[in-house]
Amino acid sequence: YKVGEDSGAWSLPDDTPIEHINPVIKLFILLCLFMTSFF
C-alpha cells in the first residue's frame, strides 16, 4: 500500500509501461502466497 501510494501505482493510466508496476505485481503475488499458506 505504501509503495502504491508513493509511486502512484493505484492511479496510473492504462498505457503505463509494465516496468512501472512490475514491483507491485510481484508484491501482490507474494501477498497471495502468504495468505494461501495461512489458509
All heavy atoms as atom14 arrays in JSON, in Angstrom:
{
  "sequence": "YKVGEDSGAWSLPDDTPIEHINPVIKLFILLCLFMTSFF",
  "atom14_mask": [
    [1, 1, 1, 1, 1, 1, 1, 1, 1, 1, 1, 1, 0, 0],
    [1, 1, 1, 1, 1, 1, 1, 1, 1, 0, 0, 0, 0, 0],
    [1, 1, 1, 1, 1, 1, 1, 0, 0, 0, 0, 0, 0, 0],
    [1, 1, 1, 1, 0, 0, 0, 0, 0, 0, 0, 0, 0, 0],
    [1, 1, 1, 1, 1, 1, 1, 1, 1, 0, 0, 0, 0, 0],
    [1, 1, 1, 1, 1, 1, 1, 1, 0, 0, 0, 0, 0, 0],
    [1, 1, 1, 1, 1, 1, 0, 0, 0, 0, 0, 0, 0, 0],
    [1, 1, 1, 1, 0, 0, 0, 0, 0, 0, 0, 0, 0, 0],
    [1, 1, 1, 1, 1, 0, 0, 0, 0, 0, 0, 0, 0, 0],
    [1, 1, 1, 1, 1, 1, 1, 1, 1, 1, 1, 1, 1, 1],
    [1, 1, 1, 1, 1, 1, 0, 0, 0, 0, 0, 0, 0, 0],
    [1, 1, 1, 1, 1, 1, 1, 1, 0, 0, 0, 0, 0, 0],
    [1, 1, 1, 1, 1, 1, 1, 0, 0, 0, 0, 0, 0, 0],
    [1, 1, 1, 1, 1, 1, 1, 1, 0, 0, 0, 0, 0, 0],
    [1, 1, 1, 1, 1, 1, 1, 1, 0, 0, 0, 0, 0, 0],
    [1, 1, 1, 1, 1, 1, 1, 0, 0, 0, 0, 0, 0, 0],
    [1, 1, 1, 1, 1, 1, 1, 0, 0, 0, 0, 0, 0, 0],
    [1, 1, 1, 1, 1, 1, 1, 1, 0, 0, 0, 0, 0, 0],
    [1, 1, 1, 1, 1, 1, 1, 1, 1, 0, 0, 0, 0, 0],
    [1, 1, 1, 1, 1, 1, 1, 1, 1, 1, 0, 0, 0, 0],
    [1, 1, 1, 1, 1, 1, 1, 1, 0, 0, 0, 0, 0, 0],
    [1, 1, 1, 1, 1, 1, 1, 1, 0, 0, 0, 0, 0, 0],
    [1, 1, 1, 1, 1, 1, 1, 0, 0, 0, 0, 0, 0, 0],
    [1, 1, 1, 1, 1, 1, 1, 0, 0, 0, 0, 0, 0, 0],
    [1, 1, 1, 1, 1, 1, 1, 1, 0, 0, 0, 0, 0, 0],
    [1, 1, 1, 1, 1, 1, 1, 1, 1, 0, 0, 0, 0, 0],
    [1, 1, 1, 1, 1, 1, 1, 1, 0, 0, 0, 0, 0, 0],
    [1, 1, 1, 1, 1, 1, 1, 1, 1, 1, 1, 0, 0, 0],
    [1, 1, 1, 1, 1, 1, 1, 1, 0, 0, 0, 0, 0, 0],
    [1, 1, 1, 1, 1, 1, 1, 1, 0, 0, 0, 0, 0, 0],
    [1, 1, 1, 1, 1, 1, 1, 1, 0, 0, 0, 0, 0, 0],
    [1, 1, 1, 1, 1, 1, 0, 0, 0, 0, 0, 0, 0, 0],
    [1, 1, 1, 1, 1, 1, 1, 1, 0, 0, 0, 0, 0, 0],
    [1, 1, 1, 1, 1, 1, 1, 1, 1, 1, 1, 0, 0, 0],
    [1, 1, 1, 1, 1, 1, 1, 1, 0, 0, 0, 0, 0, 0],
    [1, 1, 1, 1, 1, 1, 1, 0, 0, 0, 0, 0, 0, 0],
    [1, 1, 1, 1, 1, 1, 0, 0, 0, 0, 0, 0, 0, 0],
    [1, 1, 1, 1, 1, 1, 1, 1, 1, 1, 1, 0, 0, 0],
    [1, 1, 1, 1, 1, 1, 1, 1, 1, 1, 1, 0, 0, 0]
  ],
  "atom14_positions": [
    [[0.83, -1.21, 0.0], [0.0, 0.0, 0.0], [0.86, 1.26, 0.0], [0.59, 2.22, -0.72], [-0.92, -0.01, 1.22], [-1.82, 1.2, 1.31], [-2.98, 1.29, 0.55], [-1.48, 2.27, 2.15], [-3.8, 2.4, 0.63], [-2.29, 3.39, 2.23], [-3.46, 3.46, 1.47], [-4.26, 4.56, 1.55], [0.0, 0.0, 0.0], [0.0, 0.0, 0.0]],
    [[1.94, 1.22, 0.8], [2.84, 2.39, 0.87], [3.52, 2.62, -0.48], [3.6, 3.76, -0.95], [3.89, 2.14, 1.95], [4.85, 3.3, 2.2], [4.15, 4.44, 2.91], [5.15, 5.43, 3.48], [6.04, 6.02, 2.47], [0.0, 0.0, 0.0], [0.0, 0.0, 0.0], [0.0, 0.0, 0.0], [0.0, 0.0, 0.0], [0.0, 0.0, 0.0]],
    [[4.0, 1.54, -1.1], [4.65, 1.68, -2.4], [3.67, 2.2, -3.44], [3.99, 3.06, -4.26], [5.24, 0.32, -2.84], [5.68, 0.37, -4.31], [6.43, -0.05, -1.97], [0.0, 0.0, 0.0], [0.0, 0.0, 0.0], [0.0, 0.0, 0.0], [0.0, 0.0, 0.0], [0.0, 0.0, 0.0], [0.0, 0.0, 0.0], [0.0, 0.0, 0.0]],
    [[2.45, 1.68, -3.41], [1.45, 2.12, -4.36], [1.09, 3.58, -4.19], [0.9, 4.31, -5.18], [0.0, 0.0, 0.0], [0.0, 0.0, 0.0], [0.0, 0.0, 0.0], [0.0, 0.0, 0.0], [0.0, 0.0, 0.0], [0.0, 0.0, 0.0], [0.0, 0.0, 0.0], [0.0, 0.0, 0.0], [0.0, 0.0, 0.0], [0.0, 0.0, 0.0]],
    [[1.0, 4.04, -2.95], [0.69, 5.44, -2.7], [1.83, 6.35, -3.12], [1.61, 7.4, -3.73], [0.39, 5.63, -1.21], [-0.97, 5.09, -0.78], [-2.11, 5.89, -1.36], [-2.07, 7.13, -1.27], [-3.03, 5.27, -1.93], [0.0, 0.0, 0.0], [0.0, 0.0, 0.0], [0.0, 0.0, 0.0], [0.0, 0.0, 0.0], [0.0, 0.0, 0.0]],
    [[3.07, 5.94, -2.8], [4.22, 6.79, -3.11], [4.49, 6.89, -4.61], [4.88, 7.94, -5.11], [5.47, 6.27, -2.39], [5.36, 6.44, -0.88], [4.49, 7.21, -0.44], [6.13, 5.78, -0.15], [0.0, 0.0, 0.0], [0.0, 0.0, 0.0], [0.0, 0.0, 0.0], [0.0, 0.0, 0.0], [0.0, 0.0, 0.0], [0.0, 0.0, 0.0]],
    [[4.3, 5.77, -5.3], [4.59, 5.75, -6.73], [3.39, 6.1, -7.59], [3.53, 6.27, -8.81], [5.1, 4.36, -7.14], [4.09, 3.38, -6.93], [0.0, 0.0, 0.0], [0.0, 0.0, 0.0], [0.0, 0.0, 0.0], [0.0, 0.0, 0.0], [0.0, 0.0, 0.0], [0.0, 0.0, 0.0], [0.0, 0.0, 0.0], [0.0, 0.0, 0.0]],
    [[2.22, 6.18, -6.95], [1.01, 6.46, -7.71], [0.56, 5.3, -8.55], [-0.15, 5.48, -9.55], [0.0, 0.0, 0.0], [0.0, 0.0, 0.0], [0.0, 0.0, 0.0], [0.0, 0.0, 0.0], [0.0, 0.0, 0.0], [0.0, 0.0, 0.0], [0.0, 0.0, 0.0], [0.0, 0.0, 0.0], [0.0, 0.0, 0.0], [0.0, 0.0, 0.0]],
    [[0.94, 4.08, -8.15], [0.6, 2.89, -8.94], [-0.9, 2.63, -8.96], [-1.41, 1.98, -9.88], [1.32, 1.66, -8.38], [0.0, 0.0, 0.0], [0.0, 0.0, 0.0], [0.0, 0.0, 0.0], [0.0, 0.0, 0.0], [0.0, 0.0, 0.0], [0.0, 0.0, 0.0], [0.0, 0.0, 0.0], [0.0, 0.0, 0.0], [0.0, 0.0, 0.0]],
    [[-1.61, 3.12, -7.95], [-3.05, 2.87, -7.89], [-3.83, 3.77, -8.86], [-4.99, 3.52, -9.13], [-3.56, 3.09, -6.47], [-2.81, 2.36, -5.41], [-2.33, 2.86, -4.23], [-2.44, 0.98, -5.4], [-1.68, 1.9, -3.51], [-1.73, 0.73, -4.21], [-2.61, -0.07, -6.31], [-1.21, -0.51, -3.88], [-2.08, -1.33, -5.98], [-1.41, -1.54, -4.78]],
    [[-3.18, 4.79, -9.37], [-3.89, 5.7, -10.27], [-3.16, 5.92, -11.59], [-3.31, 6.94, -12.22], [-4.09, 7.07, -9.58], [-2.83, 7.62, -9.2], [0.0, 0.0, 0.0], [0.0, 0.0, 0.0], [0.0, 0.0, 0.0], [0.0, 0.0, 0.0], [0.0, 0.0, 0.0], [0.0, 0.0, 0.0], [0.0, 0.0, 0.0], [0.0, 0.0, 0.0]],
    [[-2.34, 4.94, -11.99], [-1.61, 5.07, -13.24], [-2.55, 4.85, -14.42], [-3.48, 4.05, -14.35], [-0.48, 4.02, -13.29], [0.68, 4.24, -12.32], [1.64, 3.08, -12.39], [1.41, 5.54, -12.63], [0.0, 0.0, 0.0], [0.0, 0.0, 0.0], [0.0, 0.0, 0.0], [0.0, 0.0, 0.0], [0.0, 0.0, 0.0], [0.0, 0.0, 0.0]],
    [[-2.33, 5.53, -15.53], [-3.16, 5.32, -16.72], [-2.97, 3.94, -17.32], [-2.0, 3.24, -17.0], [-2.69, 6.42, -17.68], [-1.32, 6.78, -17.21], [-1.33, 6.59, -15.72], [0.0, 0.0, 0.0], [0.0, 0.0, 0.0], [0.0, 0.0, 0.0], [0.0, 0.0, 0.0], [0.0, 0.0, 0.0], [0.0, 0.0, 0.0], [0.0, 0.0, 0.0]],
    [[-3.89, 3.53, -18.19], [-3.88, 2.19, -18.75], [-2.65, 1.93, -19.62], [-2.24, 0.77, -19.78], [-5.15, 1.95, -19.58], [-6.4, 1.97, -18.71], [-6.27, 1.73, -17.51], [-7.5, 2.23, -19.26], [0.0, 0.0, 0.0], [0.0, 0.0, 0.0], [0.0, 0.0, 0.0], [0.0, 0.0, 0.0], [0.0, 0.0, 0.0], [0.0, 0.0, 0.0]],
    [[-2.09, 2.97, -20.21], [-0.95, 2.77, -21.11], [0.39, 2.87, -20.39], [1.45, 3.01, -21.02], [-0.98, 3.78, -22.25], [-0.98, 5.23, -21.73], [-1.17, 5.42, -20.51], [-0.79, 6.16, -22.56], [0.0, 0.0, 0.0], [0.0, 0.0, 0.0], [0.0, 0.0, 0.0], [0.0, 0.0, 0.0], [0.0, 0.0, 0.0], [0.0, 0.0, 0.0]],
    [[0.38, 2.74, -19.07], [1.63, 2.81, -18.3], [2.5, 1.6, -18.61], [2.01, 0.47, -18.62], [1.32, 2.83, -16.8], [0.52, 3.96, -16.51], [2.61, 2.91, -15.99], [0.0, 0.0, 0.0], [0.0, 0.0, 0.0], [0.0, 0.0, 0.0], [0.0, 0.0, 0.0], [0.0, 0.0, 0.0], [0.0, 0.0, 0.0], [0.0, 0.0, 0.0]],
    [[3.79, 1.78, -18.87], [4.68, 0.64, -19.13], [4.69, -0.32, -17.94], [4.62, 0.1, -16.79], [6.05, 1.29, -19.34], [5.75, 2.7, -19.73], [4.49, 3.07, -19.0], [0.0, 0.0, 0.0], [0.0, 0.0, 0.0], [0.0, 0.0, 0.0], [0.0, 0.0, 0.0], [0.0, 0.0, 0.0], [0.0, 0.0, 0.0], [0.0, 0.0, 0.0]],
    [[4.82, -1.61, -18.25], [4.77, -2.63, -17.19], [5.95, -2.5, -16.23], [5.89, -2.95, -15.08], [4.73, -4.04, -17.82], [4.37, -5.08, -16.76], [6.06, -4.38, -18.48], [4.13, -6.46, -17.33], [0.0, 0.0, 0.0], [0.0, 0.0, 0.0], [0.0, 0.0, 0.0], [0.0, 0.0, 0.0], [0.0, 0.0, 0.0], [0.0, 0.0, 0.0]],
    [[7.05, -1.87, -16.68], [8.2, -1.71, -15.79], [7.84, -0.9, -14.54], [8.42, -1.1, -13.47], [9.35, -1.0, -16.54], [10.02, -1.85, -17.61], [9.32, -1.73, -18.95], [8.17, -1.21, -18.97], [9.89, -2.15, -19.97], [0.0, 0.0, 0.0], [0.0, 0.0, 0.0], [0.0, 0.0, 0.0], [0.0, 0.0, 0.0], [0.0, 0.0, 0.0]],
    [[6.86, -0.01, -14.66], [6.5, 0.85, -13.54], [5.63, 0.12, -12.5], [5.59, 0.52, -11.34], [5.75, 2.08, -14.05], [6.6, 2.99, -14.87], [6.09, 4.06, -15.57], [7.94, 2.98, -15.11], [7.08, 4.68, -16.21], [8.2, 4.04, -15.95], [0.0, 0.0, 0.0], [0.0, 0.0, 0.0], [0.0, 0.0, 0.0], [0.0, 0.0, 0.0]],
    [[4.93, -0.91, -12.93], [4.05, -1.63, -11.99], [4.56, -3.02, -11.67], [3.95, -3.74, -10.89], [2.62, -1.72, -12.56], [2.62, -2.45, -13.9], [1.99, -0.35, -12.7], [1.23, -2.7, -14.45], [0.0, 0.0, 0.0], [0.0, 0.0, 0.0], [0.0, 0.0, 0.0], [0.0, 0.0, 0.0], [0.0, 0.0, 0.0], [0.0, 0.0, 0.0]],
    [[5.71, -3.39, -12.27], [6.25, -4.73, -12.06], [6.5, -5.03, -10.58], [6.14, -6.11, -10.1], [7.54, -4.89, -12.87], [8.0, -6.33, -12.95], [7.19, -7.25, -12.95], [9.3, -6.52, -12.99], [0.0, 0.0, 0.0], [0.0, 0.0, 0.0], [0.0, 0.0, 0.0], [0.0, 0.0, 0.0], [0.0, 0.0, 0.0], [0.0, 0.0, 0.0]],
    [[7.12, -4.13, -9.79], [7.32, -4.42, -8.36], [6.01, -4.63, -7.61], [5.92, -5.46, -6.7], [8.08, -3.19, -7.85], [8.7, -2.6, -9.05], [7.75, -2.85, -10.17], [0.0, 0.0, 0.0], [0.0, 0.0, 0.0], [0.0, 0.0, 0.0], [0.0, 0.0, 0.0], [0.0, 0.0, 0.0], [0.0, 0.0, 0.0], [0.0, 0.0, 0.0]],
    [[4.98, -3.88, -7.97], [3.69, -4.02, -7.31], [3.09, -5.39, -7.6], [2.52, -6.05, -6.72], [2.73, -2.9, -7.76], [1.34, -3.1, -7.16], [3.29, -1.54, -7.38], [0.0, 0.0, 0.0], [0.0, 0.0, 0.0], [0.0, 0.0, 0.0], [0.0, 0.0, 0.0], [0.0, 0.0, 0.0], [0.0, 0.0, 0.0], [0.0, 0.0, 0.0]],
    [[3.23, -5.86, -8.84], [2.72, -7.19, -9.21], [3.42, -8.27, -8.4], [2.79, -9.2, -7.88], [2.91, -7.42, -10.72], [2.06, -6.45, -11.52], [2.57, -8.86, -11.09], [2.28, -6.52, -13.02], [0.0, 0.0, 0.0], [0.0, 0.0, 0.0], [0.0, 0.0, 0.0], [0.0, 0.0, 0.0], [0.0, 0.0, 0.0], [0.0, 0.0, 0.0]],
    [[4.73, -8.16, -8.27], [5.5, -9.16, -7.52], [5.06, -9.19, -6.06], [4.87, -10.26, -5.47], [7.0, -8.85, -7.61], [7.57, -9.01, -9.01], [9.05, -8.66, -9.02], [9.65, -8.81, -10.41], [11.08, -8.47, -10.44], [0.0, 0.0, 0.0], [0.0, 0.0, 0.0], [0.0, 0.0, 0.0], [0.0, 0.0, 0.0], [0.0, 0.0, 0.0]],
    [[4.9, -8.02, -5.46], [4.48, -7.97, -4.07], [3.08, -8.52, -3.88], [2.78, -9.19, -2.87], [4.56, -6.52, -3.56], [5.97, -5.96, -3.35], [5.89, -4.46, -3.05], [6.68, -6.68, -2.22], [0.0, 0.0, 0.0], [0.0, 0.0, 0.0], [0.0, 0.0, 0.0], [0.0, 0.0, 0.0], [0.0, 0.0, 0.0], [0.0, 0.0, 0.0]],
    [[2.21, -8.26, -4.83], [0.84, -8.76, -4.73], [0.81, -10.28, -4.82], [0.07, -10.95, -4.08], [-0.04, -8.16, -5.83], [-1.46, -8.62, -5.78], [-2.33, -8.14, -4.8], [-1.93, -9.55, -6.69], [-3.65, -8.58, -4.74], [-3.24, -10.0, -6.64], [-4.1, -9.51, -5.66], [0.0, 0.0, 0.0], [0.0, 0.0, 0.0], [0.0, 0.0, 0.0]],
    [[1.6, -10.87, -5.72], [1.68, -12.33, -5.82], [2.24, -12.93, -4.53], [1.76, -13.95, -4.03], [2.54, -12.74, -7.03], [1.87, -12.29, -8.33], [2.78, -14.24, -7.05], [2.71, -12.53, -9.57], [0.0, 0.0, 0.0], [0.0, 0.0, 0.0], [0.0, 0.0, 0.0], [0.0, 0.0, 0.0], [0.0, 0.0, 0.0], [0.0, 0.0, 0.0]],
    [[3.25, -12.27, -3.96], [3.81, -12.73, -2.69], [2.78, -12.67, -1.58], [2.67, -13.58, -0.75], [5.03, -11.87, -2.33], [5.81, -12.27, -1.08], [6.4, -13.65, -1.23], [6.91, -11.25, -0.81], [0.0, 0.0, 0.0], [0.0, 0.0, 0.0], [0.0, 0.0, 0.0], [0.0, 0.0, 0.0], [0.0, 0.0, 0.0], [0.0, 0.0, 0.0]],
    [[1.98, -11.6, -1.55], [0.91, -11.47, -0.57], [-0.1, -12.61, -0.7], [-0.51, -13.21, 0.3], [0.22, -10.12, -0.75], [-1.06, -9.88, 0.08], [-0.75, -9.9, 1.56], [-1.7, -8.56, -0.32], [0.0, 0.0, 0.0], [0.0, 0.0, 0.0], [0.0, 0.0, 0.0], [0.0, 0.0, 0.0], [0.0, 0.0, 0.0], [0.0, 0.0, 0.0]],
    [[-0.49, -12.92, -1.93], [-1.45, -14.01, -2.17], [-0.87, -15.35, -1.69], [-1.61, -16.18, -1.13], [-1.8, -14.09, -3.64], [-2.78, -12.7, -4.25], [0.0, 0.0, 0.0], [0.0, 0.0, 0.0], [0.0, 0.0, 0.0], [0.0, 0.0, 0.0], [0.0, 0.0, 0.0], [0.0, 0.0, 0.0], [0.0, 0.0, 0.0], [0.0, 0.0, 0.0]],
    [[0.42, -15.54, -1.88], [1.04, -16.81, -1.47], [1.07, -16.93, 0.06], [0.8, -18.01, 0.61], [2.45, -16.9, -2.04], [3.09, -18.28, -2.04], [2.22, -19.27, -2.81], [4.48, -18.23, -2.64], [0.0, 0.0, 0.0], [0.0, 0.0, 0.0], [0.0, 0.0, 0.0], [0.0, 0.0, 0.0], [0.0, 0.0, 0.0], [0.0, 0.0, 0.0]],
    [[1.39, -15.85, 0.74], [1.37, -15.87, 2.21], [-0.05, -16.15, 2.72], [-0.23, -16.89, 3.7], [1.89, -14.56, 2.77], [3.39, -14.46, 2.81], [4.04, -13.3, 2.4], [4.16, -15.51, 3.28], [5.42, -13.2, 2.43], [5.54, -15.42, 3.32], [6.17, -14.27, 2.89], [0.0, 0.0, 0.0], [0.0, 0.0, 0.0], [0.0, 0.0, 0.0]],
    [[-1.05, -15.55, 2.09], [-2.42, -15.78, 2.51], [-2.86, -17.22, 2.24], [-3.61, -17.82, 3.01], [-3.36, -14.79, 1.81], [-3.17, -13.35, 2.24], [-3.3, -13.12, 4.04], [-4.99, -13.69, 4.34], [0.0, 0.0, 0.0], [0.0, 0.0, 0.0], [0.0, 0.0, 0.0], [0.0, 0.0, 0.0], [0.0, 0.0, 0.0], [0.0, 0.0, 0.0]],
    [[-2.39, -17.78, 1.12], [-2.68, -19.19, 0.84], [-2.07, -20.09, 1.89], [-2.7, -21.05, 2.36], [-2.13, -19.56, -0.56], [-2.75, -18.73, -1.54], [-2.4, -21.02, -0.88], [0.0, 0.0, 0.0], [0.0, 0.0, 0.0], [0.0, 0.0, 0.0], [0.0, 0.0, 0.0], [0.0, 0.0, 0.0], [0.0, 0.0, 0.0], [0.0, 0.0, 0.0]],
    [[-0.84, -19.79, 2.28], [-0.18, -20.56, 3.32], [-0.94, -20.45, 4.64], [-1.15, -21.44, 5.34], [1.26, -20.07, 3.49], [1.92, -20.76, 4.52], [0.0, 0.0, 0.0], [0.0, 0.0, 0.0], [0.0, 0.0, 0.0], [0.0, 0.0, 0.0], [0.0, 0.0, 0.0], [0.0, 0.0, 0.0], [0.0, 0.0, 0.0], [0.0, 0.0, 0.0]],
    [[-1.36, -19.24, 4.98], [-2.14, -19.04, 6.21], [-3.44, -19.85, 6.18], [-3.79, -20.51, 7.17], [-2.44, -17.55, 6.37], [-3.44, -17.24, 7.46], [-3.07, -17.32, 8.8], [-4.74, -16.88, 7.14], [-3.99, -17.04, 9.8], [-5.66, -16.6, 8.13], [-5.29, -16.69, 9.46], [0.0, 0.0, 0.0], [0.0, 0.0, 0.0], [0.0, 0.0, 0.0]],
    [[-4.14, -19.82, 5.06], [-5.39, -20.56, 4.94], [-5.15, -22.06, 5.11], [-5.92, -22.75, 5.8], [-6.02, -20.29, 3.57], [-7.23, -21.13, 3.29], [-8.46, -20.83, 3.84], [-7.13, -22.24, 2.45], [-9.57, -21.62, 3.59], [-8.23, -23.03, 2.19], [-9.46, -22.72, 2.75], [0.0, 0.0, 0.0], [0.0, 0.0, 0.0], [0.0, 0.0, 0.0]]
  ]
}
